[in-house]
C-alpha atoms as a PDB file:
ATOM      1  CA  MET A   1       0.000   0.000   0.000  1.00  0.00           C
ATOM      2  CA  THR A   2       1.050   3.608  -0.526  1.00  0.00           C
ATOM      3  CA  PHE A   3       1.216   5.586   2.700  1.00  0.00           C
ATOM      4  CA  THR A   4       2.764   8.660   4.278  1.00  0.00           C
ATOM      5  CA  TRP A   5       4.857   8.587   7.420  1.00  0.00           C
ATOM      6  CA  LYS A   6       2.625  10.652   9.685  1.00  0.00           C
ATOM      7  CA  GLY A   7       0.351  10.464  12.705  1.00  0.00           C
ATOM      8  CA  VAL A   8       0.553   8.162  15.694  1.00  0.00           C
ATOM      9  CA  MET A   9       2.125   4.776  15.025  1.00  0.00           C
ATOM     10  CA  PRO A  10       2.380   2.540  18.109  1.00  0.00           C
ATOM     11  CA  ALA A  11       5.571   0.613  18.661  1.00  0.00           C
ATOM     12  CA  LEU A  12       3.458  -2.405  19.539  1.00  0.00           C
ATOM     13  CA  THR A  13       4.331  -4.680  22.405  1.00  0.00           C
ATOM     14  CA  THR A  14       4.365  -8.390  21.644  1.00  0.00           C
ATOM     15  CA  GLN A  15       1.679 -10.209  23.591  1.00  0.00           C
ATOM     16  CA  PHE A  16       2.769 -13.385  25.402  1.00  0.00           C
ATOM     17  CA  ASP A  17       0.970 -15.838  27.657  1.00  0.00           C
ATOM     18  CA  ALA A  18       2.185 -17.001  31.065  1.00  0.00           C
ATOM     19  CA  GLN A  19       4.432 -19.599  29.385  1.00  0.00           C
ATOM     20  CA  GLU A  20       6.049 -16.888  27.214  1.00  0.00           C
ATOM     21  CA  ASN A  21       4.398 -18.143  24.030  1.00  0.00           C
ATOM     22  CA  LEU A  22       2.920 -15.740  21.496  1.00  0.00           C
ATOM     23  CA  ASP A  23      -0.681 -14.911  22.399  1.00  0.00           C
ATOM     24  CA  LEU A  24      -2.275 -13.972  19.089  1.00  0.00           C
ATOM     25  CA  ASN A  25      -5.721 -13.613  20.649  1.00  0.00           C
ATOM     26  CA  ALA A  26      -4.326 -10.994  23.008  1.00  0.00           C
ATOM     27  CA  LEU A  27      -2.581  -9.326  20.064  1.00  0.00           C
ATOM     28  CA  THR A  28      -5.921  -9.169  18.254  1.00  0.00           C
ATOM     29  CA  HIS A  29      -7.585  -7.461  21.228  1.00  0.00           C
ATOM     30  CA  HIS A  30      -4.652  -5.109  21.694  1.00  0.00           C
ATOM     31  CA  LEU A  31      -4.476  -4.111  18.037  1.00  0.00           C
ATOM     32  CA  ASN A  32      -8.238  -3.660  17.691  1.00  0.00           C
ATOM     33  CA  THR A  33      -8.117  -1.236  20.620  1.00  0.00           C
ATOM     34  CA  GLN A  34      -5.385   0.746  18.876  1.00  0.00           C
ATOM     35  CA  ILE A  35      -7.332   0.834  15.615  1.00  0.00           C
ATOM     36  CA  ASP A  36     -10.503   1.943  17.403  1.00  0.00           C
ATOM     37  CA  ALA A  37      -8.550   4.811  18.968  1.00  0.00           C
ATOM     38  CA  GLY A  38      -7.531   6.022  15.514  1.00  0.00           C
ATOM     39  CA  VAL A  39      -3.834   5.187  15.168  1.00  0.00           C
ATOM     40  CA  HIS A  40      -2.334   5.836  11.743  1.00  0.00           C
ATOM     41  CA  GLY A  41      -0.076   2.767  11.457  1.00  0.00           C
ATOM     42  CA  ILE A  42       1.717   0.186  13.591  1.00  0.00           C
ATOM     43  CA  VAL A  43       5.324  -0.900  14.099  1.00  0.00           C
ATOM     44  CA  LEU A  44       5.941  -4.560  14.911  1.00  0.00           C
ATOM     45  CA  GLY A  45       8.984  -6.208  16.453  1.00  0.00           C
ATOM     46  CA  GLY A  46      10.753  -3.133  17.787  1.00  0.00           C
ATOM     47  CA  THR A  47      12.421  -2.649  21.152  1.00  0.00           C
ATOM     48  CA  LEU A  48       9.025  -2.552  22.850  1.00  0.00           C
ATOM     49  CA  GLY A  49       8.112  -5.642  20.843  1.00  0.00           C
ATOM     50  CA  GLU A  50      11.031  -7.521  22.443  1.00  0.00           C
ATOM     51  CA  ALA A  51      12.491  -8.091  18.987  1.00  0.00           C
ATOM     52  CA  SER A  52      15.684  -9.725  20.216  1.00  0.00           C
ATOM     53  CA  THR A  53      13.679 -12.593  21.736  1.00  0.00           C
ATOM     54  CA  LEU A  54      11.509 -13.299  18.676  1.00  0.00           C
ATOM     55  CA  GLU A  55      12.118 -16.065  16.160  1.00  0.00           C
ATOM     56  CA  PRO A  56      11.637 -15.292  12.448  1.00  0.00           C
ATOM     57  CA  SER A  57       8.548 -17.528  12.421  1.00  0.00           C
ATOM     58  CA  GLU A  58       7.060 -15.507  15.295  1.00  0.00           C
ATOM     59  CA  LYS A  59       7.647 -12.231  13.470  1.00  0.00           C
ATOM     60  CA  GLU A  60       5.921 -13.745  10.446  1.00  0.00           C
ATOM     61  CA  ALA A  61       2.944 -14.702  12.620  1.00  0.00           C
ATOM     62  CA  LEU A  62       2.762 -11.163  14.001  1.00  0.00           C
ATOM     63  CA  VAL A  63       2.799  -9.678  10.506  1.00  0.00           C
ATOM     64  CA  LYS A  64       0.112 -12.017   9.179  1.00  0.00           C
ATOM     65  CA  THR A  65      -2.153 -11.425  12.179  1.00  0.00           C
ATOM     66  CA  ALA A  66      -1.732  -7.667  11.912  1.00  0.00           C
ATOM     67  CA  GLN A  67      -2.364  -7.647   8.157  1.00  0.00           C
ATOM     68  CA  ALA A  68      -5.562  -9.641   8.610  1.00  0.00           C
ATOM     69  CA  LEU A  69      -6.801  -7.145  11.204  1.00  0.00           C
ATOM     70  CA  THR A  70      -5.782  -3.906   9.523  1.00  0.00           C
ATOM     71  CA  GLN A  71      -7.010  -4.991   6.075  1.00  0.00           C
ATOM     72  CA  GLN A  72      -4.775  -2.435   4.326  1.00  0.00           C
ATOM     73  CA  LYS A  73      -6.447   0.465   6.151  1.00  0.00           C
ATOM     74  CA  ILE A  74      -3.240   1.461   7.955  1.00  0.00           C
ATOM     75  CA  PRO A  75       0.379   0.482   7.233  1.00  0.00           C
ATOM     76  CA  VAL A  76       2.053  -2.416   8.995  1.00  0.00           C
ATOM     77  CA  ILE A  77       5.739  -1.625   9.565  1.00  0.00           C
ATOM     78  CA  LEU A  78       8.306  -4.244  10.611  1.00  0.00           C
ATOM     79  CA  ASN A  79      11.429  -3.467  12.613  1.00  0.00           C
ATOM     80  CA  ILE A  80      14.730  -4.747  11.231  1.00  0.00           C
ATOM     81  CA  ALA A  81      17.498  -5.173  13.818  1.00  0.00           C
ATOM     82  CA  GLU A  82      20.146  -7.664  12.725  1.00  0.00           C
ATOM     83  CA  GLN A  83      23.807  -8.357  13.338  1.00  0.00           C
ATOM     84  CA  SER A  84      24.808  -8.776   9.689  1.00  0.00           C
ATOM     85  CA  THR A  85      23.899  -7.079   6.434  1.00  0.00           C
ATOM     86  CA  ALA A  86      23.078 -10.445   4.861  1.00  0.00           C
ATOM     87  CA  ASN A  87      20.606 -11.325   7.625  1.00  0.00           C
ATOM     88  CA  ALA A  88      19.001  -7.898   7.447  1.00  0.00           C
ATOM     89  CA  ILE A  89      18.483  -8.242   3.689  1.00  0.00           C
ATOM     90  CA  ALA A  90      17.043 -11.738   4.144  1.00  0.00           C
ATOM     91  CA  ARG A  91      14.566 -10.513   6.789  1.00  0.00           C
ATOM     92  CA  VAL A  92      13.501  -7.596   4.586  1.00  0.00           C
ATOM     93  CA  GLN A  93      12.921  -9.768   1.542  1.00  0.00           C
ATOM     94  CA  GLU A  94      10.978 -12.382   3.517  1.00  0.00           C
ATOM     95  CA  ALA A  95       8.807  -9.702   5.130  1.00  0.00           C
ATOM     96  CA  GLU A  96       8.098  -8.031   1.804  1.00  0.00           C
ATOM     97  CA  LYS A  97       6.789 -11.368   0.500  1.00  0.00           C
ATOM     98  CA  ASN A  98       4.624 -11.636   3.635  1.00  0.00           C
ATOM     99  CA  GLY A  99       2.945  -8.313   2.898  1.00  0.00           C
ATOM    100  CA  VAL A 100       4.466  -5.716   5.202  1.00  0.00           C
ATOM    101  CA  ASP A 101       4.136  -2.123   4.048  1.00  0.00           C
ATOM    102  CA  GLY A 102       7.479  -0.721   5.151  1.00  0.00           C
ATOM    103  CA  PHE A 103      10.421  -1.058   7.511  1.00  0.00           C
ATOM    104  CA  MET A 104      11.987   0.627  10.498  1.00  0.00           C
ATOM    105  CA  VAL A 105      15.717  -0.124  10.336  1.00  0.00           C
ATOM    106  CA  LEU A 106      18.249   0.087  13.159  1.00  0.00           C
ATOM    107  CA  PRO A 107      22.000   0.391  12.620  1.00  0.00           C
ATOM    108  CA  PRO A 108      24.008  -2.854  12.863  1.00  0.00           C
ATOM    109  CA  MET A 109      23.385  -4.487  16.222  1.00  0.00           C
ATOM    110  CA  ARG A 110      26.081  -5.424  18.754  1.00  0.00           C
ATOM    111  CA  TYR A 111      28.779  -3.617  16.781  1.00  0.00           C
ATOM    112  CA  LYS A 112      29.543   0.094  16.866  1.00  0.00           C
ATOM    113  CA  ALA A 113      29.887   0.575  13.137  1.00  0.00           C
ATOM    114  CA  THR A 114      31.697   3.541  11.633  1.00  0.00           C
ATOM    115  CA  ASP A 115      29.727   6.181   9.755  1.00  0.00           C
ATOM    116  CA  GLN A 116      30.837   4.645   6.455  1.00  0.00           C
ATOM    117  CA  GLU A 117      29.808   1.148   7.532  1.00  0.00           C
ATOM    118  CA  THR A 118      26.443   2.341   8.838  1.00  0.00           C
ATOM    119  CA  VAL A 119      25.609   4.188   5.620  1.00  0.00           C
ATOM    120  CA  ALA A 120      26.639   1.162   3.546  1.00  0.00           C
ATOM    121  CA  TYR A 121      24.453  -1.079   5.731  1.00  0.00           C
ATOM    122  CA  PHE A 122      21.387   1.123   5.287  1.00  0.00           C
ATOM    123  CA  LYS A 123      21.980   1.466   1.544  1.00  0.00           C
ATOM    124  CA  ALA A 124      22.326  -2.291   1.039  1.00  0.00           C
ATOM    125  CA  ILE A 125      18.998  -2.873   2.797  1.00  0.00           C
ATOM    126  CA  ALA A 126      17.247  -0.126   0.835  1.00  0.00           C
ATOM    127  CA  GLN A 127      18.533  -1.546  -2.450  1.00  0.00           C
ATOM    128  CA  ALA A 128      17.092  -4.956  -1.539  1.00  0.00           C
ATOM    129  CA  THR A 129      13.480  -3.733  -1.367  1.00  0.00           C
ATOM    130  CA  ALA A 130      11.148  -1.258  -3.014  1.00  0.00           C
ATOM    131  CA  LEU A 131       9.283  -0.615   0.237  1.00  0.00           C
ATOM    132  CA  PRO A 132       9.587   2.603   2.291  1.00  0.00           C
ATOM    133  CA  ILE A 133      12.239   2.687   5.013  1.00  0.00           C
ATOM    134  CA  MET A 134      12.402   4.708   8.222  1.00  0.00           C
ATOM    135  CA  ILE A 135      15.863   5.010   9.784  1.00  0.00           C
ATOM    136  CA  TYR A 136      15.839   4.631  13.573  1.00  0.00           C
ATOM    137  CA  ASN A 137      18.231   7.272  14.909  1.00  0.00           C
ATOM    138  CA  ASN A 138      18.760   6.460  18.588  1.00  0.00           C
ATOM    139  CA  PRO A 139      22.357   7.096  19.675  1.00  0.00           C
ATOM    140  CA  VAL A 140      21.346   7.141  23.345  1.00  0.00           C
ATOM    141  CA  ASP A 141      20.439   3.455  23.393  1.00  0.00           C
ATOM    142  CA  TYR A 142      22.266   2.065  20.343  1.00  0.00           C
ATOM    143  CA  LYS A 143      25.448   4.206  20.427  1.00  0.00           C
ATOM    144  CA  ILE A 144      25.401   5.079  16.724  1.00  0.00           C
ATOM    145  CA  GLU A 145      24.218   8.496  15.613  1.00  0.00           C
ATOM    146  CA  VAL A 146      22.982   8.970  12.078  1.00  0.00           C
ATOM    147  CA  THR A 147      24.341  12.440  11.393  1.00  0.00           C
ATOM    148  CA  ILE A 148      23.231  15.083   8.918  1.00  0.00           C
ATOM    149  CA  ASP A 149      26.153  14.147   6.662  1.00  0.00           C
ATOM    150  CA  MET A 150      25.033  10.514   6.740  1.00  0.00           C
ATOM    151  CA  PHE A 151      21.446  11.473   5.885  1.00  0.00           C
ATOM    152  CA  GLU A 152      22.840  13.478   2.972  1.00  0.00           C
ATOM    153  CA  GLN A 153      24.324  10.255   1.592  1.00  0.00           C
ATOM    154  CA  LEU A 154      21.180   8.260   2.362  1.00  0.00           C
ATOM    155  CA  SER A 155      19.037  10.788   0.511  1.00  0.00           C
ATOM    156  CA  GLU A 156      20.304   9.180  -2.707  1.00  0.00           C
ATOM    157  CA  LEU A 157      18.001   6.211  -1.977  1.00  0.00           C
ATOM    158  CA  PRO A 158      14.394   7.294  -2.684  1.00  0.00           C
ATOM    159  CA  ASN A 159      12.811   4.643  -0.476  1.00  0.00           C
ATOM    160  CA  ILE A 160      14.725   5.859   2.591  1.00  0.00           C
ATOM    161  CA  ASN A 161      12.209   8.558   3.329  1.00  0.00           C
ATOM    162  CA  ALA A 162      11.720   8.866   7.091  1.00  0.00           C
ATOM    163  CA  VAL A 163      13.553   8.972  10.399  1.00  0.00           C
ATOM    164  CA  LYS A 164      12.467   7.893  13.841  1.00  0.00           C
ATOM    165  CA  GLU A 165      14.065  10.807  15.674  1.00  0.00           C
ATOM    166  CA  SER A 166      15.210   9.539  19.074  1.00  0.00           C
ATOM    167  CA  THR A 167      18.356  11.564  19.682  1.00  0.00           C
ATOM    168  CA  ARG A 168      16.446  13.373  22.461  1.00  0.00           C
ATOM    169  CA  ASP A 169      17.709  16.655  20.998  1.00  0.00           C
ATOM    170  CA  ILE A 170      14.579  18.609  20.104  1.00  0.00           C
ATOM    171  CA  SER A 171      16.589  20.909  17.863  1.00  0.00           C
ATOM    172  CA  ASN A 172      17.234  17.970  15.541  1.00  0.00           C
ATOM    173  CA  VAL A 173      13.720  18.402  14.124  1.00  0.00           C
ATOM    174  CA  THR A 174      14.588  21.915  12.974  1.00  0.00           C
ATOM    175  CA  ARG A 175      18.054  20.821  11.876  1.00  0.00           C
ATOM    176  CA  MET A 176      16.599  18.126   9.614  1.00  0.00           C
ATOM    177  CA  LYS A 177      13.922  20.458   8.236  1.00  0.00           C
ATOM    178  CA  ASN A 178      16.451  23.197   7.505  1.00  0.00           C
ATOM    179  CA  CYS A 179      18.817  20.787   5.764  1.00  0.00           C
ATOM    180  CA  PHE A 180      16.360  18.611   3.851  1.00  0.00           C
ATOM    181  CA  GLY A 181      12.976  20.320   3.804  1.00  0.00           C
ATOM    182  CA  ASP A 182      10.370  17.597   3.363  1.00  0.00           C
ATOM    183  CA  ARG A 183      12.793  15.011   1.912  1.00  0.00           C
ATOM    184  CA  PHE A 184      12.622  12.974   5.136  1.00  0.00           C
ATOM    185  CA  HIS A 185       9.467  12.616   7.214  1.00  0.00           C
ATOM    186  CA  ILE A 186      10.249  12.996  10.907  1.00  0.00           C
ATOM    187  CA  MET A 187       8.605  10.696  13.445  1.00  0.00           C
ATOM    188  CA  CYS A 188       9.349  11.475  17.090  1.00  0.00           C
ATOM    189  CA  GLY A 189      10.512   8.369  18.935  1.00  0.00           C
ATOM    190  CA  VAL A 190      10.661   9.716  22.490  1.00  0.00           C
ATOM    191  CA  ASP A 191       7.349   9.980  24.327  1.00  0.00           C
ATOM    192  CA  THR A 192       8.355  12.747  26.723  1.00  0.00           C
ATOM    193  CA  ILE A 193       9.226  15.233  23.946  1.00  0.00           C
ATOM    194  CA  ALA A 194       6.638  14.213  21.358  1.00  0.00           C
ATOM    195  CA  ILE A 195       4.457  17.283  21.868  1.00  0.00           C
ATOM    196  CA  GLU A 196       7.453  19.616  21.414  1.00  0.00           C
ATOM    197  CA  SER A 197       8.575  17.681  18.327  1.00  0.00           C
ATOM    198  CA  LEU A 198       5.125  17.884  16.746  1.00  0.00           C
ATOM    199  CA  MET A 199       4.913  21.605  17.411  1.00  0.00           C
ATOM    200  CA  MET A 200       8.322  22.075  15.774  1.00  0.00           C
ATOM    201  CA  GLY A 201       7.189  20.306  12.623  1.00  0.00           C
ATOM    202  CA  ALA A 202       7.581  16.574  13.165  1.00  0.00           C
ATOM    203  CA  ASP A 203       5.153  14.588  11.038  1.00  0.00           C
ATOM    204  CA  GLY A 204       4.185  12.051  13.640  1.00  0.00           C
ATOM    205  CA  TRP A 205       4.982   9.983  16.686  1.00  0.00           C
ATOM    206  CA  ILE A 206       6.248   6.407  17.050  1.00  0.00           C
ATOM    207  CA  ALA A 207       4.729   6.067  20.504  1.00  0.00           C
ATOM    208  CA  GLY A 208       5.235   3.776  23.484  1.00  0.00           C
ATOM    209  CA  LEU A 209       2.630   4.553  26.158  1.00  0.00           C
ATOM    210  CA  VAL A 210       0.051   4.473  23.388  1.00  0.00           C
ATOM    211  CA  ASP A 211       0.114   0.723  23.984  1.00  0.00           C
ATOM    212  CA  ALA A 212      -1.746   1.295  27.241  1.00  0.00           C
ATOM    213  CA  PHE A 213      -3.350   4.684  26.565  1.00  0.00           C
ATOM    214  CA  PRO A 214      -4.163   4.841  22.846  1.00  0.00           C
ATOM    215  CA  GLU A 215      -6.943   7.424  22.985  1.00  0.00           C
ATOM    216  CA  GLU A 216      -4.987   9.987  24.982  1.00  0.00           C
ATOM    217  CA  THR A 217      -2.000   9.585  22.665  1.00  0.00           C
ATOM    218  CA  VAL A 218      -4.014  10.055  19.485  1.00  0.00           C
ATOM    219  CA  ALA A 219      -5.887  12.943  21.122  1.00  0.00           C
ATOM    220  CA  ILE A 220      -2.652  14.890  21.686  1.00  0.00           C
ATOM    221  CA  TYR A 221      -1.683  14.501  18.029  1.00  0.00           C
ATOM    222  CA  THR A 222      -5.192  15.393  16.859  1.00  0.00           C
ATOM    223  CA  TYR A 223      -5.423  18.513  19.006  1.00  0.00           C
ATOM    224  CA  ILE A 224      -2.086  19.755  17.672  1.00  0.00           C
ATOM    225  CA  GLN A 225      -3.156  19.116  14.085  1.00  0.00           C
ATOM    226  CA  ASN A 226      -6.247  21.223  14.760  1.00  0.00           C
ATOM    227  CA  GLY A 227      -4.360  24.068  16.411  1.00  0.00           C
ATOM    228  CA  MET A 228      -5.806  23.262  19.842  1.00  0.00           C
ATOM    229  CA  TYR A 229      -2.463  23.639  21.567  1.00  0.00           C
ATOM    230  CA  ALA A 230      -3.719  24.441  25.068  1.00  0.00           C
ATOM    231  CA  LYS A 231      -5.801  21.287  25.114  1.00  0.00           C
ATOM    232  CA  ALA A 232      -2.890  19.209  23.796  1.00  0.00           C
ATOM    233  CA  VAL A 233      -0.627  20.620  26.512  1.00  0.00           C
ATOM    234  CA  ALA A 234      -3.191  19.855  29.212  1.00  0.00           C
ATOM    235  CA  VAL A 235      -3.412  16.201  28.158  1.00  0.00           C
ATOM    236  CA  HIS A 236       0.382  16.013  27.887  1.00  0.00           C
ATOM    237  CA  ARG A 237       0.829  17.322  31.430  1.00  0.00           C
ATOM    238  CA  TRP A 238      -1.624  14.726  32.733  1.00  0.00           C
ATOM    239  CA  PHE A 239       0.287  12.077  30.757  1.00  0.00           C
ATOM    240  CA  PHE A 240       3.831  13.089  31.642  1.00  0.00           C
ATOM    241  CA  ASP A 241       4.607  10.775  34.579  1.00  0.00           C
ATOM    242  CA  LEU A 242       3.390   7.858  32.477  1.00  0.00           C
ATOM    243  CA  LEU A 243       5.425   8.998  29.460  1.00  0.00           C
ATOM    244  CA  GLU A 244       8.591   8.971  31.538  1.00  0.00           C
ATOM    245  CA  LEU A 245       8.163   5.210  31.901  1.00  0.00           C
ATOM    246  CA  ASP A 246       9.173   5.019  28.217  1.00  0.00           C
ATOM    247  CA  ILE A 247      12.711   6.344  28.717  1.00  0.00           C
ATOM    248  CA  THR A 248      14.267   3.699  30.976  1.00  0.00           C
ATOM    249  CA  PRO A 249      15.858   0.313  30.177  1.00  0.00           C
ATOM    250  CA  GLN A 250      12.793  -1.290  31.793  1.00  0.00           C
ATOM    251  CA  LEU A 251      10.351   0.402  29.425  1.00  0.00           C
ATOM    252  CA  VAL A 252       8.898  -2.933  28.288  1.00  0.00           C
ATOM    253  CA  GLN A 253       8.063  -4.061  31.813  1.00  0.00           C
ATOM    254  CA  HIS A 254       6.683  -0.635  32.702  1.00  0.00           C
ATOM    255  CA  ILE A 255       4.461  -0.322  29.657  1.00  0.00           C
ATOM    256  CA  LYS A 256       3.201  -3.888  29.914  1.00  0.00           C
ATOM    257  CA  GLN A 257       2.298  -3.198  33.545  1.00  0.00           C
ATOM    258  CA  CYS A 258       0.289  -0.232  32.266  1.00  0.00           C
ATOM    259  CA  GLU A 259      -1.362  -2.389  29.593  1.00  0.00           C
ATOM    260  CA  ARG A 260      -2.531  -4.888  32.158  1.00  0.00           C
ATOM    261  CA  ALA A 261      -3.958  -2.090  34.297  1.00  0.00           C
ATOM    262  CA  THR A 262      -5.947  -0.675  31.371  1.00  0.00           C
ATOM    263  CA  GLY A 263      -7.088  -4.127  30.218  1.00  0.00           C
ATOM    264  CA  ILE A 264      -5.485  -4.181  26.773  1.00  0.00           C
ATOM    265  CA  GLY A 265      -2.483  -6.439  27.333  1.00  0.00           C
ATOM    266  CA  THR A 266      -1.479  -9.612  29.148  1.00  0.00           C
ATOM    267  CA  GLY A 267       1.442  -7.973  30.958  1.00  0.00           C
ATOM    268  CA  TYR A 268       3.758 -10.931  30.344  1.00  0.00           C
ATOM    269  CA  VAL A 269       7.331 -10.373  29.196  1.00  0.00           C
ATOM    270  CA  ARG A 270       9.826 -12.871  27.778  1.00  0.00           C
ATOM    271  CA  GLN A 271      13.048 -13.684  29.595  1.00  0.00           C
ATOM    272  CA  PRO A 272      15.635 -12.386  30.202  1.00  0.00           C
ATOM    273  CA  ARG A 273      13.201  -9.551  30.988  1.00  0.00           C
ATOM    274  CA  MET A 274      11.225 -10.071  34.170  1.00  0.00           C
ATOM    275  CA  ALA A 275       8.062  -8.322  35.296  1.00  0.00           C
ATOM    276  CA  ASN A 276       8.375  -5.546  37.869  1.00  0.00           C
ATOM    277  CA  THR A 277       8.182  -6.640  41.486  1.00  0.00           C
ATOM    278  CA  GLY A 278       8.474  -5.110  44.930  1.00  0.00           C
ATOM    279  CA  SER A 279       9.070  -1.396  45.265  1.00  0.00           C
ATOM    280  CA  GLU A 280       9.412  -0.822  41.523  1.00  0.00           C
ATOM    281  CA  LYS A 281       6.056  -2.440  40.809  1.00  0.00           C
ATOM    282  CA  ALA A 282       4.513  -0.350  43.603  1.00  0.00           C
ATOM    283  CA  ARG A 283       6.065   2.837  42.199  1.00  0.00           C
ATOM    284  CA  VAL A 284       4.711   2.201  38.697  1.00  0.00           C
ATOM    285  CA  ASP A 285       1.319   1.145  40.081  1.00  0.00           C
ATOM    286  CA  LYS A 286       1.065   4.457  41.938  1.00  0.00           C
ATOM    287  CA  ILE A 287       1.746   6.393  38.734  1.00  0.00           C
ATOM    288  CA  ILE A 288      -0.855   4.340  36.874  1.00  0.00           C
ATOM    289  CA  GLN A 289      -3.553   4.614  39.523  1.00  0.00           C
ATOM    290  CA  THR A 290      -3.039   8.374  39.896  1.00  0.00           C
ATOM    291  CA  ALA A 291      -3.412   8.779  36.149  1.00  0.00           C
ATOM    292  CA  LEU A 292      -6.476   6.550  35.932  1.00  0.00           C
ATOM    293  CA  ALA A 293      -8.166   8.510  38.708  1.00  0.00           C
ATOM    294  CA  ASN A 294      -7.659  11.781  36.839  1.00  0.00           C
ATOM    295  CA  ARG A 295      -8.113  10.949  33.144  1.00  0.00           C
ATOM    296  CA  PRO A 296      -8.738  14.065  31.053  1.00  0.00           C
ATOM    297  CA  ASP A 297     -11.880  14.710  29.038  1.00  0.00           C
ATOM    298  CA  ILE A 298     -10.970  13.948  25.416  1.00  0.00           C
ATOM    299  CA  ALA A 299     -14.432  12.975  24.195  1.00  0.00           C
ATOM    300  CA  ASP A 300     -14.212  15.404  21.283  1.00  0.00           C
ATOM    301  CA  TYR A 301     -10.982  14.259  19.624  1.00  0.00           C
ATOM    302  CA  LYS A 302     -12.471  11.656  17.277  1.00  0.00           C
ATOM    303  CA  SER A 303     -14.786  14.230  15.760  1.00  0.00           C
ATOM    304  CA  LEU A 304     -11.690  16.270  14.864  1.00  0.00           C
ATOM    305  CA  MET A 305      -9.847  13.495  13.017  1.00  0.00           C
END
């Protein structure tokens, strides 16, 4: 399908059962809730999706389930995070045959590649598919920054047409716009600065807490698109303590704890991750319960979409 990188696209969690098997029924419920809230696309098998623990056959099952549910109404994006260029190309070509609509691509995993190596890696993947590609620029967690000079080289590939901007430097939105205009769509990848990124011209939001609070997330985006900035800020301020759960190494456990509390996820993680316990579980529960007791009135946002 032809689509534009814009709007709210959840970085979906992968739903497991108590035995750590894929729970496709739970995925169906989870994804239907996202669709009902009005999300504009979905990203499968990312960091929040516990990609490093998934077998290729499981990723295929996720894609097929998501495609059956979305029915080409919104794009289904697959994360590519591999250790070798050859494996990355193989995953891309398999996924294209399985019907995905585009890819989010991380730099080489478990190796701090040079700028030259990283650009060559991205180019090789882009040349192996005709589908749209979003570069995931997250030097905080993955230790490789995709610089302006590197994007200049990547601009030669027409299907590399978006960036998941997770440098946590809000000025990077303006920097990219000033250098490239609309050549690359910018999708904010950090929940806590999404509202600032959108106001500075980002096209959308690859969101995390949307997995537990889809309506509030889409409402913020919708209010901004309609110039209702005060209302967007009010929802963001209510949301902020929850959004901060997205920027820790335990983001998967935190967000799945939120999902269970809101009834749209099983809460189970796959080892080596372990669910929150003790004081950390109590801390996150307090944040969740405070938020649930004070949910903002966003009844009007769907009429604005």
